[in-house]
Amino acid sequence: MVRLPLTPAEVERGQRLGALLRRARGNRSMLDVALDANVSPETLRKIESGRVATPAFPTIAAIADVLDLSLDAVWAEISLPERDARRTDIERTGRERLPA
């Protein structure tokens, strides 16, 4: 399977996701959170560092559950700049920009 390169927006979204998970994890060890979520510590490390910008939904759902984050809160945090960009495009052009 050939993976298409990530867009700058996808990379930025991955970085926002990683920052959110690091903040939510707080002082808890990465190992404890990863094991509680049934993911490898290396996977959690890559997600938190932004190296995995588009992790699988079940992985994020499991980590969010362990960190007591609602998926709505995760989505709101990582999609905010995209919504702002869409709103700006609509205001400027009268139509929504199509995803890249």
PDB file of N, CA and C in Angstrom:
ATOM      1  N   MET A   1       0.840  -1.173   0.000  1.00  0.00           N
ATOM      2  CA  MET A   1       0.000   0.000   0.000  1.00  0.00           C
ATOM      3  C   MET A   1       0.889   1.241   0.000  1.00  0.00           C
ATOM      4  N   VAL A   2       0.587   2.156  -0.882  1.00  0.00           N
ATOM      5  CA  VAL A   2       1.339   3.402  -0.975  1.00  0.00           C
ATOM      6  C   VAL A   2       0.595   4.472  -0.184  1.00  0.00           C
ATOM      7  N   ARG A   3       1.311   5.128   0.700  1.00  0.00           N
ATOM      8  CA  ARG A   3       0.706   6.216   1.481  1.00  0.00           C
ATOM      9  C   ARG A   3       0.976   7.532   0.790  1.00  0.00           C
ATOM     10  N   LEU A   4      -0.049   8.322   0.682  1.00  0.00           N
ATOM     11  CA  LEU A   4       0.113   9.657   0.131  1.00  0.00           C
ATOM     12  C   LEU A   4       0.773  10.551   1.175  1.00  0.00           C
ATOM     13  N   PRO A   5       1.571  11.509   0.742  1.00  0.00           N
ATOM     14  CA  PRO A   5       2.178  12.432   1.711  1.00  0.00           C
ATOM     15  C   PRO A   5       1.096  13.207   2.461  1.00  0.00           C
ATOM     16  N   LEU A   6       1.381  13.502   3.707  1.00  0.00           N
ATOM     17  CA  LEU A   6       0.435  14.264   4.511  1.00  0.00           C
ATOM     18  C   LEU A   6       0.443  15.722   4.077  1.00  0.00           C
ATOM     19  N   THR A   7      -0.720  16.315   4.151  1.00  0.00           N
ATOM     20  CA  THR A   7      -0.814  17.740   3.851  1.00  0.00           C
ATOM     21  C   THR A   7      -0.306  18.521   5.061  1.00  0.00           C
ATOM     22  N   PRO A   8       0.072  19.763   4.873  1.00  0.00           N
ATOM     23  CA  PRO A   8       0.478  20.580   6.028  1.00  0.00           C
ATOM     24  C   PRO A   8      -0.626  20.651   7.093  1.00  0.00           C
ATOM     25  N   ALA A   9      -1.882  20.672   6.671  1.00  0.00           N
ATOM     26  CA  ALA A   9      -2.989  20.720   7.635  1.00  0.00           C
ATOM     27  C   ALA A   9      -3.047  19.436   8.458  1.00  0.00           C
ATOM     28  N   GLU A  10      -2.795  18.290   7.822  1.00  0.00           N
ATOM     29  CA  GLU A  10      -2.796  17.024   8.557  1.00  0.00           C
ATOM     30  C   GLU A  10      -1.643  16.963   9.550  1.00  0.00           C
ATOM     31  N   VAL A  11      -0.494  17.451   9.154  1.00  0.00           N
ATOM     32  CA  VAL A  11       0.660  17.485  10.055  1.00  0.00           C
ATOM     33  C   VAL A  11       0.360  18.378  11.251  1.00  0.00           C
ATOM     34  N   GLU A  12      -0.214  19.551  10.987  1.00  0.00           N
ATOM     35  CA  GLU A  12      -0.548  20.480  12.077  1.00  0.00           C
ATOM     36  C   GLU A  12      -1.589  19.870  13.014  1.00  0.00           C
ATOM     37  N   ARG A  13      -2.583  19.196  12.453  1.00  0.00           N
ATOM     38  CA  ARG A  13      -3.620  18.554  13.267  1.00  0.00           C
ATOM     39  C   ARG A  13      -2.994  17.480  14.152  1.00  0.00           C
ATOM     40  N   GLY A  14      -2.042  16.713  13.608  1.00  0.00           N
ATOM     41  CA  GLY A  14      -1.346  15.698  14.401  1.00  0.00           C
ATOM     42  C   GLY A  14      -0.557  16.304  15.540  1.00  0.00           C
ATOM     43  N   GLN A  15       0.055  17.445  15.289  1.00  0.00           N
ATOM     44  CA  GLN A  15       0.801  18.130  16.345  1.00  0.00           C
ATOM     45  C   GLN A  15      -0.130  18.637  17.439  1.00  0.00           C
ATOM     46  N   ARG A  16      -1.306  19.149  17.036  1.00  0.00           N
ATOM     47  CA  ARG A  16      -2.279  19.607  18.048  1.00  0.00           C
ATOM     48  C   ARG A  16      -2.790  18.433  18.868  1.00  0.00           C
ATOM     49  N   LEU A  17      -3.015  17.292  18.214  1.00  0.00           N
ATOM     50  CA  LEU A  17      -3.464  16.101  18.932  1.00  0.00           C
ATOM     51  C   LEU A  17      -2.412  15.673  19.946  1.00  0.00           C
ATOM     52  N   GLY A  18      -1.156  15.621  19.523  1.00  0.00           N
ATOM     53  CA  GLY A  18      -0.087  15.227  20.432  1.00  0.00           C
ATOM     54  C   GLY A  18       0.016  16.146  21.633  1.00  0.00           C
ATOM     55  N   ALA A  19      -0.090  17.448  21.392  1.00  0.00           N
ATOM     56  CA  ALA A  19      -0.019  18.415  22.490  1.00  0.00           C
ATOM     57  C   ALA A  19      -1.184  18.226  23.459  1.00  0.00           C
ATOM     58  N   LEU A  20      -2.371  17.993  22.921  1.00  0.00           N
ATOM     59  CA  LEU A  20      -3.540  17.756  23.773  1.00  0.00           C
ATOM     60  C   LEU A  20      -3.338  16.526  24.653  1.00  0.00           C
ATOM     61  N   LEU A  21      -2.859  15.440  24.069  1.00  0.00           N
ATOM     62  CA  LEU A  21      -2.659  14.210  24.842  1.00  0.00           C
ATOM     63  C   LEU A  21      -1.579  14.390  25.898  1.00  0.00           C
ATOM     64  N   ARG A  22      -0.517  15.104  25.568  1.00  0.00           N
ATOM     65  CA  ARG A  22       0.534  15.363  26.578  1.00  0.00           C
ATOM     66  C   ARG A  22      -0.028  16.161  27.744  1.00  0.00           C
ATOM     67  N   ARG A  23      -0.810  17.206  27.432  1.00  0.00           N
ATOM     68  CA  ARG A  23      -1.408  18.021  28.511  1.00  0.00           C
ATOM     69  C   ARG A  23      -2.342  17.171  29.364  1.00  0.00           C
ATOM     70  N   ALA A  24      -3.157  16.353  28.716  1.00  0.00           N
ATOM     71  CA  ALA A  24      -4.131  15.536  29.457  1.00  0.00           C
ATOM     72  C   ALA A  24      -3.427  14.473  30.298  1.00  0.00           C
ATOM     73  N   ARG A  25      -2.316  13.978  29.817  1.00  0.00           N
ATOM     74  CA  ARG A  25      -1.577  12.946  30.562  1.00  0.00           C
ATOM     75  C   ARG A  25      -0.952  13.536  31.818  1.00  0.00           C
ATOM     76  N   GLY A  26      -0.581  14.801  31.767  1.00  0.00           N
ATOM     77  CA  GLY A  26      -0.024  15.467  32.945  1.00  0.00           C
ATOM     78  C   GLY A  26       1.188  14.752  33.489  1.00  0.00           C
ATOM     79  N   ASN A  27       1.144  14.402  34.770  1.00  0.00           N
ATOM     80  CA  ASN A  27       2.272  13.756  35.434  1.00  0.00           C
ATOM     81  C   ASN A  27       2.236  12.237  35.324  1.00  0.00           C
ATOM     82  N   ARG A  28       1.191  11.704  34.715  1.00  0.00           N
ATOM     83  CA  ARG A  28       1.122  10.243  34.555  1.00  0.00           C
ATOM     84  C   ARG A  28       2.214   9.798  33.591  1.00  0.00           C
ATOM     85  N   SER A  29       2.782   8.637  33.856  1.00  0.00           N
ATOM     86  CA  SER A  29       3.846   8.164  32.973  1.00  0.00           C
ATOM     87  C   SER A  29       3.261   7.713  31.634  1.00  0.00           C
ATOM     88  N   MET A  30       4.041   7.890  30.600  1.00  0.00           N
ATOM     89  CA  MET A  30       3.644   7.462  29.267  1.00  0.00           C
ATOM     90  C   MET A  30       3.407   5.951  29.256  1.00  0.00           C
ATOM     91  N   LEU A  31       4.239   5.226  29.968  1.00  0.00           N
ATOM     92  CA  LEU A  31       4.108   3.771  30.028  1.00  0.00           C
ATOM     93  C   LEU A  31       2.769   3.370  30.633  1.00  0.00           C
ATOM     94  N   ASP A  32       2.395   3.974  31.759  1.00  0.00           N
ATOM     95  CA  ASP A  32       1.128   3.629  32.409  1.00  0.00           C
ATOM     96  C   ASP A  32      -0.066   3.922  31.500  1.00  0.00           C
ATOM     97  N   VAL A  33      -0.065   5.091  30.874  1.00  0.00           N
ATOM     98  CA  VAL A  33      -1.178   5.462  30.001  1.00  0.00           C
ATOM     99  C   VAL A  33      -1.256   4.513  28.818  1.00  0.00           C
ATOM    100  N   ALA A  34      -0.112   4.236  28.205  1.00  0.00           N
ATOM    101  CA  ALA A  34      -0.096   3.349  27.040  1.00  0.00           C
ATOM    102  C   ALA A  34      -0.605   1.963  27.403  1.00  0.00           C
ATOM    103  N   LEU A  35      -0.119   1.409  28.507  1.00  0.00           N
ATOM    104  CA  LEU A  35      -0.554   0.072  28.899  1.00  0.00           C
ATOM    105  C   LEU A  35      -2.042   0.043  29.251  1.00  0.00           C
ATOM    106  N   ASP A  36      -2.520   1.076  29.927  1.00  0.00           N
ATOM    107  CA  ASP A  36      -3.946   1.146  30.259  1.00  0.00           C
ATOM    108  C   ASP A  36      -4.815   1.244  29.007  1.00  0.00           C
ATOM    109  N   ALA A  37      -4.276   1.852  27.951  1.00  0.00           N
ATOM    110  CA  ALA A  37      -5.029   2.006  26.696  1.00  0.00           C
ATOM    111  C   ALA A  37      -4.792   0.843  25.738  1.00  0.00           C
ATOM    112  N   ASN A  38      -3.973  -0.104  26.149  1.00  0.00           N
ATOM    113  CA  ASN A  38      -3.632  -1.251  25.304  1.00  0.00           C
ATOM    114  C   ASN A  38      -2.966  -0.843  23.991  1.00  0.00           C
ATOM    115  N   VAL A  39      -2.101   0.153  24.062  1.00  0.00           N
ATOM    116  CA  VAL A  39      -1.268   0.536  22.926  1.00  0.00           C
ATOM    117  C   VAL A  39       0.180   0.489  23.389  1.00  0.00           C
ATOM    118  N   SER A  40       1.081   0.375  22.460  1.00  0.00           N
ATOM    119  CA  SER A  40       2.491   0.325  22.851  1.00  0.00           C
ATOM    120  C   SER A  40       2.951   1.719  23.291  1.00  0.00           C
ATOM    121  N   PRO A  41       3.879   1.763  24.232  1.00  0.00           N
ATOM    122  CA  PRO A  41       4.427   3.063  24.635  1.00  0.00           C
ATOM    123  C   PRO A  41       5.040   3.803  23.444  1.00  0.00           C
ATOM    124  N   GLU A  42       5.629   3.065  22.510  1.00  0.00           N
ATOM    125  CA  GLU A  42       6.223   3.686  21.325  1.00  0.00           C
ATOM    126  C   GLU A  42       5.146   4.359  20.477  1.00  0.00           C
ATOM    127  N   THR A  43       3.988   3.733  20.350  1.00  0.00           N
ATOM    128  CA  THR A  43       2.885   4.335  19.592  1.00  0.00           C
ATOM    129  C   THR A  43       2.439   5.624  20.257  1.00  0.00           C
ATOM    130  N   LEU A  44       2.261   5.588  21.568  1.00  0.00           N
ATOM    131  CA  LEU A  44       1.847   6.801  22.278  1.00  0.00           C
ATOM    132  C   LEU A  44       2.909   7.889  22.138  1.00  0.00           C
ATOM    133  N   ARG A  45       4.180   7.526  22.224  1.00  0.00           N
ATOM    134  CA  ARG A  45       5.258   8.493  22.089  1.00  0.00           C
ATOM    135  C   ARG A  45       5.221   9.143  20.706  1.00  0.00           C
ATOM    136  N   LYS A  46       5.008   8.343  19.679  1.00  0.00           N
ATOM    137  CA  LYS A  46       4.961   8.880  18.315  1.00  0.00           C
ATOM    138  C   LYS A  46       3.749   9.793  18.113  1.00  0.00           C
ATOM    139  N   ILE A  47       2.618   9.427  18.689  1.00  0.00           N
ATOM    140  CA  ILE A  47       1.426  10.274  18.566  1.00  0.00           C
ATOM    141  C   ILE A  47       1.655  11.592  19.301  1.00  0.00           C
ATOM    142  N   GLU A  48       2.161  11.515  20.532  1.00  0.00           N
ATOM    143  CA  GLU A  48       2.388  12.726  21.320  1.00  0.00           C
ATOM    144  C   GLU A  48       3.422  13.647  20.681  1.00  0.00           C
ATOM    145  N   SER A  49       4.385  13.087  19.984  1.00  0.00           N
ATOM    146  CA  SER A  49       5.421  13.910  19.346  1.00  0.00           C
ATOM    147  C   SER A  49       4.988  14.429  17.983  1.00  0.00           C
ATOM    148  N   GLY A  50       3.843  13.946  17.490  1.00  0.00           N
ATOM    149  CA  GLY A  50       3.357  14.375  16.185  1.00  0.00           C
ATOM    150  C   GLY A  50       3.924  13.572  15.034  1.00  0.00           C
ATOM    151  N   ARG A  51       4.744  12.562  15.317  1.00  0.00           N
ATOM    152  CA  ARG A  51       5.322  11.735  14.254  1.00  0.00           C
ATOM    153  C   ARG A  51       4.280  10.858  13.585  1.00  0.00           C
ATOM    154  N   VAL A  52       3.217  10.513  14.296  1.00  0.00           N
ATOM    155  CA  VAL A  52       2.085   9.808  13.702  1.00  0.00           C
ATOM    156  C   VAL A  52       0.946  10.811  13.688  1.00  0.00           C
ATOM    157  N   ALA A  53       0.786  11.467  12.556  1.00  0.00           N
ATOM    158  CA  ALA A  53      -0.178  12.566  12.465  1.00  0.00           C
ATOM    159  C   ALA A  53      -1.606  12.091  12.264  1.00  0.00           C
ATOM    160  N   THR A  54      -1.779  10.870  11.779  1.00  0.00           N
ATOM    161  CA  THR A  54      -3.128  10.359  11.517  1.00  0.00           C
ATOM    162  C   THR A  54      -3.292   8.973  12.141  1.00  0.00           C
ATOM    163  N   PRO A  55      -3.294   8.901  13.475  1.00  0.00           N
ATOM    164  CA  PRO A  55      -3.438   7.601  14.128  1.00  0.00           C
ATOM    165  C   PRO A  55      -4.835   7.034  13.912  1.00  0.00           C
ATOM    166  N   ALA A  56      -4.946   5.737  14.071  1.00  0.00           N
ATOM    167  CA  ALA A  56      -6.228   5.051  13.898  1.00  0.00           C
ATOM    168  C   ALA A  56      -7.225   5.516  14.961  1.00  0.00           C
ATOM    169  N   PHE A  57      -8.479   5.611  14.557  1.00  0.00           N
ATOM    170  CA  PHE A  57      -9.526   6.062  15.477  1.00  0.00           C
ATOM    171  C   PHE A  57      -9.589   5.213  16.753  1.00  0.00           C
ATOM    172  N   PRO A  58      -9.577   3.862  16.661  1.00  0.00           N
ATOM    173  CA  PRO A  58      -9.647   3.084  17.911  1.00  0.00           C
ATOM    174  C   PRO A  58      -8.488   3.382  18.867  1.00  0.00           C
ATOM    175  N   THR A  59      -7.328   3.703  18.320  1.00  0.00           N
ATOM    176  CA  THR A  59      -6.177   4.037  19.161  1.00  0.00           C
ATOM    177  C   THR A  59      -6.444   5.328  19.922  1.00  0.00           C
ATOM    178  N   ILE A  60      -6.919   6.332  19.217  1.00  0.00           N
ATOM    179  CA  ILE A  60      -7.214   7.615  19.869  1.00  0.00           C
ATOM    180  C   ILE A  60      -8.360   7.458  20.857  1.00  0.00           C
ATOM    181  N   ALA A  61      -9.366   6.687  20.488  1.00  0.00           N
ATOM    182  CA  ALA A  61     -10.503   6.476  21.398  1.00  0.00           C
ATOM    183  C   ALA A  61     -10.033   5.814  22.693  1.00  0.00           C
ATOM    184  N   ALA A  62      -9.143   4.830  22.598  1.00  0.00           N
ATOM    185  CA  ALA A  62      -8.649   4.134  23.788  1.00  0.00           C
ATOM    186  C   ALA A  62      -7.812   5.073  24.663  1.00  0.00           C
ATOM    187  N   ILE A  63      -6.943   5.858  24.037  1.00  0.00           N
ATOM    188  CA  ILE A  63      -6.112   6.785  24.804  1.00  0.00           C
ATOM    189  C   ILE A  63      -6.981   7.862  25.445  1.00  0.00           C
ATOM    190  N   ALA A  64      -7.932   8.395  24.703  1.00  0.00           N
ATOM    191  CA  ALA A  64      -8.825   9.426  25.243  1.00  0.00           C
ATOM    192  C   ALA A  64      -9.604   8.882  26.436  1.00  0.00           C
ATOM    193  N   ASP A  65     -10.052   7.643  26.343  1.00  0.00           N
ATOM    194  CA  ASP A  65     -10.803   7.037  27.445  1.00  0.00           C
ATOM    195  C   ASP A  65      -9.942   6.960  28.701  1.00  0.00           C
ATOM    196  N   VAL A  66      -8.716   6.519  28.561  1.00  0.00           N
ATOM    197  CA  VAL A  66      -7.803   6.417  29.712  1.00  0.00           C
ATOM    198  C   VAL A  66      -7.535   7.798  30.316  1.00  0.00           C
ATOM    199  N   LEU A  67      -7.481   8.821  29.465  1.00  0.00           N
ATOM    200  CA  LEU A  67      -7.193  10.174  29.940  1.00  0.00           C
ATOM    201  C   LEU A  67      -8.450  10.957  30.311  1.00  0.00           C
ATOM    202  N   ASP A  68      -9.600  10.298  30.287  1.00  0.00           N
ATOM    203  CA  ASP A  68     -10.885  10.929  30.606  1.00  0.00           C
ATOM    204  C   ASP A  68     -11.181  12.125  29.698  1.00  0.00           C
ATOM    205  N   LEU A  69     -10.813  11.995  28.419  1.00  0.00           N
ATOM    206  CA  LEU A  69     -11.129  13.013  27.421  1.00  0.00           C
ATOM    207  C   LEU A  69     -12.302  12.517  26.585  1.00  0.00           C
ATOM    208  N   SER A  70     -13.275  13.373  26.363  1.00  0.00           N
ATOM    209  CA  SER A  70     -14.350  12.981  25.455  1.00  0.00           C
ATOM    210  C   SER A  70     -13.840  13.116  24.031  1.00  0.00           C
ATOM    211  N   LEU A  71     -14.345  12.288  23.151  1.00  0.00           N
ATOM    212  CA  LEU A  71     -13.942  12.393  21.747  1.00  0.00           C
ATOM    213  C   LEU A  71     -14.405  13.716  21.152  1.00  0.00           C
ATOM    214  N   ASP A  72     -15.507  14.249  21.658  1.00  0.00           N
ATOM    215  CA  ASP A  72     -15.950  15.570  21.204  1.00  0.00           C
ATOM    216  C   ASP A  72     -14.907  16.636  21.557  1.00  0.00           C
ATOM    217  N   ALA A  73     -14.353  16.539  22.756  1.00  0.00           N
ATOM    218  CA  ALA A  73     -13.337  17.504  23.177  1.00  0.00           C
ATOM    219  C   ALA A  73     -12.072  17.353  22.328  1.00  0.00           C
ATOM    220  N   VAL A  74     -11.690  16.114  22.029  1.00  0.00           N
ATOM    221  CA  VAL A  74     -10.517  15.879  21.187  1.00  0.00           C
ATOM    222  C   VAL A  74     -10.751  16.486  19.811  1.00  0.00           C
ATOM    223  N   TRP A  75     -11.907  16.212  19.215  1.00  0.00           N
ATOM    224  CA  TRP A  75     -12.203  16.726  17.883  1.00  0.00           C
ATOM    225  C   TRP A  75     -12.230  18.261  17.882  1.00  0.00           C
ATOM    226  N   ALA A  76     -12.840  18.847  18.890  1.00  0.00           N
ATOM    227  CA  ALA A  76     -12.919  20.310  18.958  1.00  0.00           C
ATOM    228  C   ALA A  76     -11.523  20.915  19.028  1.00  0.00           C
ATOM    229  N   GLU A  77     -10.650  20.296  19.788  1.00  0.00           N
ATOM    230  CA  GLU A  77      -9.291  20.813  19.954  1.00  0.00           C
ATOM    231  C   GLU A  77      -8.477  20.713  18.665  1.00  0.00           C
ATOM    232  N   ILE A  78      -8.575  19.591  17.985  1.00  0.00           N
ATOM    233  CA  ILE A  78      -7.701  19.408  16.822  1.00  0.00           C
ATOM    234  C   ILE A  78      -8.269  20.024  15.550  1.00  0.00           C
ATOM    235  N   SER A  79      -9.561  20.329  15.507  1.00  0.00           N
ATOM    236  CA  SER A  79     -10.143  20.842  14.268  1.00  0.00           C
ATOM    237  C   SER A  79     -10.415  22.342  14.296  1.00  0.00           C
ATOM    238  N   LEU A  80     -10.142  23.009  15.387  1.00  0.00           N
ATOM    239  CA  LEU A  80     -10.454  24.434  15.514  1.00  0.00           C
ATOM    240  C   LEU A  80      -9.858  25.287  14.404  1.00  0.00           C
ATOM    241  N   PRO A  81      -8.560  25.207  14.107  1.00  0.00           N
ATOM    242  CA  PRO A  81      -8.026  26.055  13.032  1.00  0.00           C
ATOM    243  C   PRO A  81      -8.655  25.761  11.674  1.00  0.00           C
ATOM    244  N   GLU A  82      -9.009  24.505  11.406  1.00  0.00           N
ATOM    245  CA  GLU A  82      -9.649  24.172  10.136  1.00  0.00           C
ATOM    246  C   GLU A  82     -11.017  24.843  10.038  1.00  0.00           C
ATOM    247  N   ARG A  83     -11.767  24.822  11.128  1.00  0.00           N
ATOM    248  CA  ARG A  83     -13.081  25.472  11.120  1.00  0.00           C
ATOM    249  C   ARG A  83     -12.925  26.966  10.892  1.00  0.00           C
ATOM    250  N   ASP A  84     -11.924  27.565  11.548  1.00  0.00           N
ATOM    251  CA  ASP A  84     -11.684  28.997  11.376  1.00  0.00           C
ATOM    252  C   ASP A  84     -11.311  29.313   9.932  1.00  0.00           C
ATOM    253  N   ALA A  85     -10.478  28.462   9.318  1.00  0.00           N
ATOM    254  CA  ALA A  85     -10.079  28.676   7.921  1.00  0.00           C
ATOM    255  C   ALA A  85     -11.286  28.544   7.004  1.00  0.00           C
ATOM    256  N   ARG A  86     -12.145  27.556   7.250  1.00  0.00           N
ATOM    257  CA  ARG A  86     -13.353  27.385   6.422  1.00  0.00           C
ATOM    258  C   ARG A  86     -14.261  28.588   6.564  1.00  0.00           C
ATOM    259  N   ARG A  87     -14.440  29.060   7.800  1.00  0.00           N
ATOM    260  CA  ARG A  87     -15.316  30.206   8.039  1.00  0.00           C
ATOM    261  C   ARG A  87     -14.773  31.440   7.311  1.00  0.00           C
ATOM    262  N   THR A  88     -13.453  31.644   7.373  1.00  0.00           N
ATOM    263  CA  THR A  88     -12.841  32.775   6.686  1.00  0.00           C
ATOM    264  C   THR A  88     -13.051  32.666   5.179  1.00  0.00           C
ATOM    265  N   ASP A  89     -12.875  31.477   4.618  1.00  0.00           N
ATOM    266  CA  ASP A  89     -13.088  31.272   3.186  1.00  0.00           C
ATOM    267  C   ASP A  89     -14.525  31.560   2.798  1.00  0.00           C
ATOM    268  N   ILE A  90     -15.474  31.098   3.609  1.00  0.00           N
ATOM    269  CA  ILE A  90     -16.887  31.326   3.310  1.00  0.00           C
ATOM    270  C   ILE A  90     -17.190  32.808   3.354  1.00  0.00           C
ATOM    271  N   GLU A  91     -16.674  33.503   4.357  1.00  0.00           N
ATOM    272  CA  GLU A  91     -16.916  34.938   4.463  1.00  0.00           C
ATOM    273  C   GLU A  91     -16.291  35.697   3.291  1.00  0.00           C
ATOM    274  N   ARG A  92     -15.102  35.261   2.864  1.00  0.00           N
ATOM    275  CA  ARG A  92     -14.385  35.961   1.803  1.00  0.00           C
ATOM    276  C   ARG A  92     -14.955  35.658   0.417  1.00  0.00           C
ATOM    277  N   THR A  93     -15.267  34.371   0.148  1.00  0.00           N
ATOM    278  CA  THR A  93     -15.656  33.973  -1.198  1.00  0.00           C
ATOM    279  C   THR A  93     -17.130  33.627  -1.345  1.00  0.00           C
ATOM    280  N   GLY A  94     -17.782  33.415  -0.221  1.00  0.00           N
ATOM    281  CA  GLY A  94     -19.185  33.000  -0.277  1.00  0.00           C
ATOM    282  C   GLY A  94     -19.355  31.504  -0.445  1.00  0.00           C
ATOM    283  N   ARG A  95     -18.240  30.755  -0.471  1.00  0.00           N
ATOM    284  CA  ARG A  95     -18.340  29.294  -0.566  1.00  0.00           C
ATOM    285  C   ARG A  95     -17.223  28.628   0.229  1.00  0.00           C
ATOM    286  N   GLU A  96     -17.463  27.393   0.591  1.00  0.00           N
ATOM    287  CA  GLU A  96     -16.531  26.648   1.430  1.00  0.00           C
ATOM    288  C   GLU A  96     -15.411  26.063   0.589  1.00  0.00           C
ATOM    289  N   ARG A  97     -14.193  26.095   1.146  1.00  0.00           N
ATOM    290  CA  ARG A  97     -13.044  25.496   0.487  1.00  0.00           C
ATOM    291  C   ARG A  97     -13.156  23.985   0.576  1.00  0.00           C
ATOM    292  N   LEU A  98     -12.861  23.302  -0.495  1.00  0.00           N
ATOM    293  CA  LEU A  98     -12.889  21.850  -0.503  1.00  0.00           C
ATOM    294  C   LEU A  98     -11.633  21.338   0.187  1.00  0.00           C
ATOM    295  N   PRO A  99     -11.740  20.188   0.912  1.00  0.00           N
ATOM    296  CA  PRO A  99     -10.554  19.631   1.565  1.00  0.00           C
ATOM    297  C   PRO A  99      -9.491  19.309   0.545  1.00  0.00           C
ATOM    298  N   ALA A 100      -8.239  19.471   0.958  1.00  0.00           N
ATOM    299  CA  ALA A 100      -7.106  19.186   0.056  1.00  0.00           C
ATOM    300  C   ALA A 100      -6.955  17.702  -0.168  1.00  0.00           C
TER     301      ALA A 100
END
